[in-house]
Amino acid sequence: MERSKNILQTIKEYAIPYYKHTYHTKFSAQEIREKLLQHVDTKERSFFSKIFGASSSKKDSYQGNIDGDTFKIHRVKKGKNSNRPVILGTITPSLNTTQVHVVMRLPYFNALSLVIWIGVLIYIGLGDATPANFTDANIYFLLFMLCFGYLVTTISFNYEASKTKKFLKQILQPVVATHESDWIIRN
């Protein structure tokens, strides 16, 4: 039973381009905000730099917004990997630690373009399917292209998410919550 739970958790973690985790750290909420500001470029970029190039003055190359106890950042790099996760976070002080709830997801535009791409593939593969011209090759081509698109998206998302997890562990220096009181949220 334990083994099947581990397998299902591994599939859930790596098969879906979505990551949700809560880090517990010994730093205060203010210290976490300061650490994020040290590593995240918060200045607004011009339209030209958004389209044609990504340059950041910070060494870790993350850009985004830090607003109070929430942040929305993304990794910036020279090459094109449109499946870089958007990192959404909430900082919550608790009794002995500070909790940082992190969600990594695909950008909405990328998820929408993936859905459109899959829809076009299904239309091409099955659109003019009549018994006279429908062959096994149509089904194999359709399945291959669907699997290829899914794998490219998922593998590239997980690759970028693993880099972001390392970045967050470096910044937050998480601790293991050992007591039940670590989970109680402060007022």
C-alpha atoms as a PDB file:
ATOM      1  CA  MET A   1       0.000   0.000   0.000  1.00  0.00           C
ATOM      2  CA  GLU A   2       2.826   2.389   0.897  1.00  0.00           C
ATOM      3  CA  ARG A   3       4.590   1.645  -2.379  1.00  0.00           C
ATOM      4  CA  SER A   4       1.483   2.438  -4.444  1.00  0.00           C
ATOM      5  CA  LYS A   5       1.118   5.785  -2.630  1.00  0.00           C
ATOM      6  CA  ASN A   6       4.732   6.623  -3.481  1.00  0.00           C
ATOM      7  CA  ILE A   7       4.223   5.698  -7.124  1.00  0.00           C
ATOM      8  CA  LEU A   8       1.029   7.755  -7.362  1.00  0.00           C
ATOM      9  CA  GLN A   9       2.714  10.732  -5.690  1.00  0.00           C
ATOM     10  CA  THR A  10       5.675  10.485  -8.097  1.00  0.00           C
ATOM     11  CA  ILE A  11       3.333  10.353 -11.087  1.00  0.00           C
ATOM     12  CA  LYS A  12       1.354  13.308  -9.751  1.00  0.00           C
ATOM     13  CA  GLU A  13       4.538  15.296  -9.136  1.00  0.00           C
ATOM     14  CA  TYR A  14       6.175  14.748 -12.511  1.00  0.00           C
ATOM     15  CA  ALA A  15       3.330  13.973 -14.921  1.00  0.00           C
ATOM     16  CA  ILE A  16       1.409  17.210 -14.480  1.00  0.00           C
ATOM     17  CA  PRO A  17       3.049  20.577 -15.205  1.00  0.00           C
ATOM     18  CA  TYR A  18       1.990  21.943 -11.826  1.00  0.00           C
ATOM     19  CA  TYR A  19       3.827  22.027  -8.480  1.00  0.00           C
ATOM     20  CA  LYS A  20       2.492  22.982  -5.062  1.00  0.00           C
ATOM     21  CA  HIS A  21       4.559  22.941  -1.879  1.00  0.00           C
ATOM     22  CA  THR A  22       4.841  24.636   1.506  1.00  0.00           C
ATOM     23  CA  TYR A  23       8.294  25.508   2.786  1.00  0.00           C
ATOM     24  CA  HIS A  24       8.893  26.103   6.492  1.00  0.00           C
ATOM     25  CA  THR A  25      11.758  28.433   7.261  1.00  0.00           C
ATOM     26  CA  LYS A  26      13.285  29.958  10.372  1.00  0.00           C
ATOM     27  CA  PHE A  27      13.411  33.429   8.789  1.00  0.00           C
ATOM     28  CA  SER A  28      10.778  36.050   9.539  1.00  0.00           C
ATOM     29  CA  ALA A  29       8.425  37.254   6.815  1.00  0.00           C
ATOM     30  CA  GLN A  30      10.401  40.513   6.511  1.00  0.00           C
ATOM     31  CA  GLU A  31      13.698  38.621   6.109  1.00  0.00           C
ATOM     32  CA  ILE A  32      12.173  36.474   3.384  1.00  0.00           C
ATOM     33  CA  ARG A  33      10.940  39.559   1.527  1.00  0.00           C
ATOM     34  CA  GLU A  34      14.427  41.106   1.780  1.00  0.00           C
ATOM     35  CA  LYS A  35      16.067  37.901   0.504  1.00  0.00           C
ATOM     36  CA  LEU A  36      13.650  37.760  -2.419  1.00  0.00           C
ATOM     37  CA  LEU A  37      14.304  41.417  -3.242  1.00  0.00           C
ATOM     38  CA  GLN A  38      18.045  40.675  -3.309  1.00  0.00           C
ATOM     39  CA  HIS A  39      17.563  37.962  -5.926  1.00  0.00           C
ATOM     40  CA  VAL A  40      14.515  39.092  -7.914  1.00  0.00           C
ATOM     41  CA  ASP A  41      14.550  41.977 -10.367  1.00  0.00           C
ATOM     42  CA  THR A  42      11.330  43.901  -9.704  1.00  0.00           C
ATOM     43  CA  LYS A  43      11.731  46.748 -12.185  1.00  0.00           C
ATOM     44  CA  GLU A  44       9.257  46.976 -15.049  1.00  0.00           C
ATOM     45  CA  ARG A  45      10.679  45.912 -18.400  1.00  0.00           C
ATOM     46  CA  SER A  46      10.022  47.663 -21.677  1.00  0.00           C
ATOM     47  CA  PHE A  47       7.940  46.052 -24.405  1.00  0.00           C
ATOM     48  CA  PHE A  48      11.057  45.629 -26.568  1.00  0.00           C
ATOM     49  CA  SER A  49      12.978  43.770 -23.869  1.00  0.00           C
ATOM     50  CA  LYS A  50       9.987  41.531 -23.129  1.00  0.00           C
ATOM     51  CA  ILE A  51       9.801  40.443 -26.760  1.00  0.00           C
ATOM     52  CA  PHE A  52      13.406  40.348 -27.944  1.00  0.00           C
ATOM     53  CA  GLY A  53      15.603  39.785 -24.961  1.00  0.00           C
ATOM     54  CA  ALA A  54      15.735  39.170 -21.293  1.00  0.00           C
ATOM     55  CA  SER A  55      18.326  41.002 -19.314  1.00  0.00           C
ATOM     56  CA  SER A  56      18.427  41.274 -15.583  1.00  0.00           C
ATOM     57  CA  SER A  57      20.753  43.048 -13.208  1.00  0.00           C
ATOM     58  CA  LYS A  58      20.359  40.322 -10.565  1.00  0.00           C
ATOM     59  CA  LYS A  59      22.660  37.322 -10.622  1.00  0.00           C
ATOM     60  CA  ASP A  60      19.974  34.617 -10.386  1.00  0.00           C
ATOM     61  CA  SER A  61      17.878  36.139 -13.177  1.00  0.00           C
ATOM     62  CA  TYR A  62      14.412  36.072 -11.701  1.00  0.00           C
ATOM     63  CA  GLN A  63      11.919  38.818 -12.425  1.00  0.00           C
ATOM     64  CA  GLY A  64       8.518  39.615 -11.045  1.00  0.00           C
ATOM     65  CA  ASN A  65       6.549  41.380  -8.351  1.00  0.00           C
ATOM     66  CA  ILE A  66       6.813  41.189  -4.585  1.00  0.00           C
ATOM     67  CA  ASP A  67       3.763  42.787  -2.997  1.00  0.00           C
ATOM     68  CA  GLY A  68       3.514  42.514   0.771  1.00  0.00           C
ATOM     69  CA  ASP A  69       3.222  38.846   1.686  1.00  0.00           C
ATOM     70  CA  THR A  70       2.699  37.597  -1.874  1.00  0.00           C
ATOM     71  CA  PHE A  71       5.009  37.301  -4.842  1.00  0.00           C
ATOM     72  CA  LYS A  72       4.760  36.343  -8.497  1.00  0.00           C
ATOM     73  CA  ILE A  73       8.077  35.681 -10.192  1.00  0.00           C
ATOM     74  CA  HIS A  74       9.510  33.786 -13.138  1.00  0.00           C
ATOM     75  CA  ARG A  75      12.967  32.732 -14.223  1.00  0.00           C
ATOM     76  CA  VAL A  76      14.580  34.753 -16.992  1.00  0.00           C
ATOM     77  CA  LYS A  77      17.115  33.305 -19.378  1.00  0.00           C
ATOM     78  CA  LYS A  78      18.533  34.101 -22.779  1.00  0.00           C
ATOM     79  CA  GLY A  79      17.300  30.966 -24.544  1.00  0.00           C
ATOM     80  CA  LYS A  80      13.679  30.341 -25.313  1.00  0.00           C
ATOM     81  CA  ASN A  81      11.858  27.873 -23.111  1.00  0.00           C
ATOM     82  CA  SER A  82       8.283  29.008 -23.036  1.00  0.00           C
ATOM     83  CA  ASN A  83       7.406  26.334 -20.474  1.00  0.00           C
ATOM     84  CA  ARG A  84       9.165  28.114 -17.614  1.00  0.00           C
ATOM     85  CA  PRO A  85       6.901  28.057 -14.589  1.00  0.00           C
ATOM     86  CA  VAL A  86       5.244  31.094 -13.101  1.00  0.00           C
ATOM     87  CA  ILE A  87       5.990  31.009  -9.369  1.00  0.00           C
ATOM     88  CA  LEU A  88       3.227  32.261  -7.099  1.00  0.00           C
ATOM     89  CA  GLY A  89       3.978  32.491  -3.405  1.00  0.00           C
ATOM     90  CA  THR A  90       2.382  33.524  -0.147  1.00  0.00           C
ATOM     91  CA  ILE A  91       4.355  34.200   3.038  1.00  0.00           C
ATOM     92  CA  THR A  92       2.510  33.299   6.251  1.00  0.00           C
ATOM     93  CA  PRO A  93       4.017  33.696   9.733  1.00  0.00           C
ATOM     94  CA  SER A  94       3.322  30.776  12.070  1.00  0.00           C
ATOM     95  CA  LEU A  95       4.278  29.980  15.646  1.00  0.00           C
ATOM     96  CA  ASN A  96       7.860  28.725  15.328  1.00  0.00           C
ATOM     97  CA  THR A  97       8.485  29.067  11.611  1.00  0.00           C
ATOM     98  CA  THR A  98       7.363  31.088   8.637  1.00  0.00           C
ATOM     99  CA  GLN A  99       5.460  29.204   5.960  1.00  0.00           C
ATOM    100  CA  VAL A 100       5.971  29.991   2.304  1.00  0.00           C
ATOM    101  CA  HIS A 101       3.263  28.454   0.120  1.00  0.00           C
ATOM    102  CA  VAL A 102       4.558  28.074  -3.433  1.00  0.00           C
ATOM    103  CA  VAL A 103       2.636  27.169  -6.584  1.00  0.00           C
ATOM    104  CA  MET A 104       4.391  26.706  -9.922  1.00  0.00           C
ATOM    105  CA  ARG A 105       2.224  26.537 -13.018  1.00  0.00           C
ATOM    106  CA  LEU A 106       2.460  26.989 -16.764  1.00  0.00           C
ATOM    107  CA  PRO A 107       1.831  30.509 -18.024  1.00  0.00           C
ATOM    108  CA  TYR A 108      -1.796  30.839 -19.147  1.00  0.00           C
ATOM    109  CA  PHE A 109      -0.802  31.626 -22.732  1.00  0.00           C
ATOM    110  CA  ASN A 110       1.258  28.426 -22.959  1.00  0.00           C
ATOM    111  CA  ALA A 111      -1.549  26.283 -21.539  1.00  0.00           C
ATOM    112  CA  LEU A 112      -3.997  27.855 -23.996  1.00  0.00           C
ATOM    113  CA  SER A 113      -1.668  27.327 -26.957  1.00  0.00           C
ATOM    114  CA  LEU A 114      -1.170  23.682 -25.909  1.00  0.00           C
ATOM    115  CA  VAL A 115      -4.937  23.128 -25.810  1.00  0.00           C
ATOM    116  CA  ILE A 116      -5.341  24.756 -29.240  1.00  0.00           C
ATOM    117  CA  TRP A 117      -2.475  22.656 -30.645  1.00  0.00           C
ATOM    118  CA  ILE A 118      -4.079  19.449 -29.346  1.00  0.00           C
ATOM    119  CA  GLY A 119      -7.453  20.518 -30.744  1.00  0.00           C
ATOM    120  CA  VAL A 120      -5.947  21.163 -34.183  1.00  0.00           C
ATOM    121  CA  LEU A 121      -4.231  17.758 -34.093  1.00  0.00           C
ATOM    122  CA  ILE A 122      -7.479  16.015 -33.233  1.00  0.00           C
ATOM    123  CA  TYR A 123      -9.284  17.902 -36.002  1.00  0.00           C
ATOM    124  CA  ILE A 124      -6.594  16.989 -38.556  1.00  0.00           C
ATOM    125  CA  GLY A 125      -6.393  13.381 -37.394  1.00  0.00           C
ATOM    126  CA  LEU A 126     -10.092  12.718 -37.129  1.00  0.00           C
ATOM    127  CA  GLY A 127     -11.724  15.566 -39.073  1.00  0.00           C
ATOM    128  CA  ASP A 128     -12.105  13.884 -42.427  1.00  0.00           C
ATOM    129  CA  ALA A 129     -12.250  10.379 -41.036  1.00  0.00           C
ATOM    130  CA  THR A 130     -14.601   8.309 -43.079  1.00  0.00           C
ATOM    131  CA  PRO A 131     -14.451   4.528 -43.163  1.00  0.00           C
ATOM    132  CA  ALA A 132     -12.932   4.712 -46.641  1.00  0.00           C
ATOM    133  CA  ASN A 133      -9.867   6.824 -45.779  1.00  0.00           C
ATOM    134  CA  PHE A 134      -9.468   6.157 -42.017  1.00  0.00           C
ATOM    135  CA  THR A 135      -6.442   3.992 -41.333  1.00  0.00           C
ATOM    136  CA  ASP A 136      -4.374   2.889 -38.394  1.00  0.00           C
ATOM    137  CA  ALA A 137      -1.715   5.358 -39.511  1.00  0.00           C
ATOM    138  CA  ASN A 138      -4.090   8.236 -38.663  1.00  0.00           C
ATOM    139  CA  ILE A 139      -4.507   6.954 -35.122  1.00  0.00           C
ATOM    140  CA  TYR A 140      -0.778   6.293 -34.653  1.00  0.00           C
ATOM    141  CA  PHE A 141       0.147   9.718 -35.995  1.00  0.00           C
ATOM    142  CA  LEU A 142      -2.410  11.406 -33.752  1.00  0.00           C
ATOM    143  CA  LEU A 143      -1.287   9.500 -30.655  1.00  0.00           C
ATOM    144  CA  PHE A 144       2.392  10.123 -31.419  1.00  0.00           C
ATOM    145  CA  MET A 145       1.888  13.865 -31.833  1.00  0.00           C
ATOM    146  CA  LEU A 146      -0.258  14.125 -28.687  1.00  0.00           C
ATOM    147  CA  CYS A 147       2.354  12.234 -26.652  1.00  0.00           C
ATOM    148  CA  PHE A 148       5.169  14.293 -28.165  1.00  0.00           C
ATOM    149  CA  GLY A 149       3.506  17.623 -27.287  1.00  0.00           C
ATOM    150  CA  TYR A 150       2.667  16.439 -23.779  1.00  0.00           C
ATOM    151  CA  LEU A 151       6.186  15.119 -23.137  1.00  0.00           C
ATOM    152  CA  VAL A 152       7.938  18.235 -24.449  1.00  0.00           C
ATOM    153  CA  THR A 153       5.754  20.450 -22.263  1.00  0.00           C
ATOM    154  CA  THR A 154       6.052  18.311 -19.142  1.00  0.00           C
ATOM    155  CA  ILE A 155       9.782  17.605 -19.403  1.00  0.00           C
ATOM    156  CA  SER A 156      10.721  21.225 -20.054  1.00  0.00           C
ATOM    157  CA  PHE A 157       8.418  22.441 -17.252  1.00  0.00           C
ATOM    158  CA  ASN A 158       9.898  19.951 -14.758  1.00  0.00           C
ATOM    159  CA  TYR A 159      13.443  20.876 -15.827  1.00  0.00           C
ATOM    160  CA  GLU A 160      12.803  24.549 -15.121  1.00  0.00           C
ATOM    161  CA  ALA A 161      10.822  23.773 -11.957  1.00  0.00           C
ATOM    162  CA  SER A 162      13.749  21.781 -10.538  1.00  0.00           C
ATOM    163  CA  LYS A 163      16.023  24.804 -11.026  1.00  0.00           C
ATOM    164  CA  THR A 164      13.473  26.998  -9.282  1.00  0.00           C
ATOM    165  CA  LYS A 165      13.153  24.514  -6.388  1.00  0.00           C
ATOM    166  CA  LYS A 166      16.929  24.718  -5.881  1.00  0.00           C
ATOM    167  CA  PHE A 167      16.717  28.524  -5.969  1.00  0.00           C
ATOM    168  CA  LEU A 168      13.924  28.568  -3.381  1.00  0.00           C
ATOM    169  CA  LYS A 169      15.755  26.120  -1.108  1.00  0.00           C
ATOM    170  CA  GLN A 170      18.843  28.305  -1.311  1.00  0.00           C
ATOM    171  CA  ILE A 171      16.867  31.442  -0.451  1.00  0.00           C
ATOM    172  CA  LEU A 172      14.500  30.029   2.166  1.00  0.00           C
ATOM    173  CA  GLN A 173      16.768  27.438   3.804  1.00  0.00           C
ATOM    174  CA  PRO A 174      13.748  25.332   4.799  1.00  0.00           C
ATOM    175  CA  VAL A 175      13.524  23.422   8.070  1.00  0.00           C
ATOM    176  CA  VAL A 176      11.516  20.327   8.846  1.00  0.00           C
ATOM    177  CA  ALA A 177       8.355  21.012  10.835  1.00  0.00           C
ATOM    178  CA  THR A 178       8.789  18.693  13.820  1.00  0.00           C
ATOM    179  CA  HIS A 179       6.020  19.800  16.148  1.00  0.00           C
ATOM    180  CA  GLU A 180       2.321  20.178  15.552  1.00  0.00           C
ATOM    181  CA  SER A 181       2.644  23.747  16.866  1.00  0.00           C
ATOM    182  CA  ASP A 182       4.770  24.569  13.796  1.00  0.00           C
ATOM    183  CA  TRP A 183       1.601  24.360  11.711  1.00  0.00           C
ATOM    184  CA  ILE A 184      -0.423  26.834  13.798  1.00  0.00           C
ATOM    185  CA  ILE A 185      -0.784  30.148  12.013  1.00  0.00           C
ATOM    186  CA  ARG A 186      -0.102  33.318  13.991  1.00  0.00           C
ATOM    187  CA  ASN A 187      -2.735  36.053  14.216  1.00  0.00           C
END
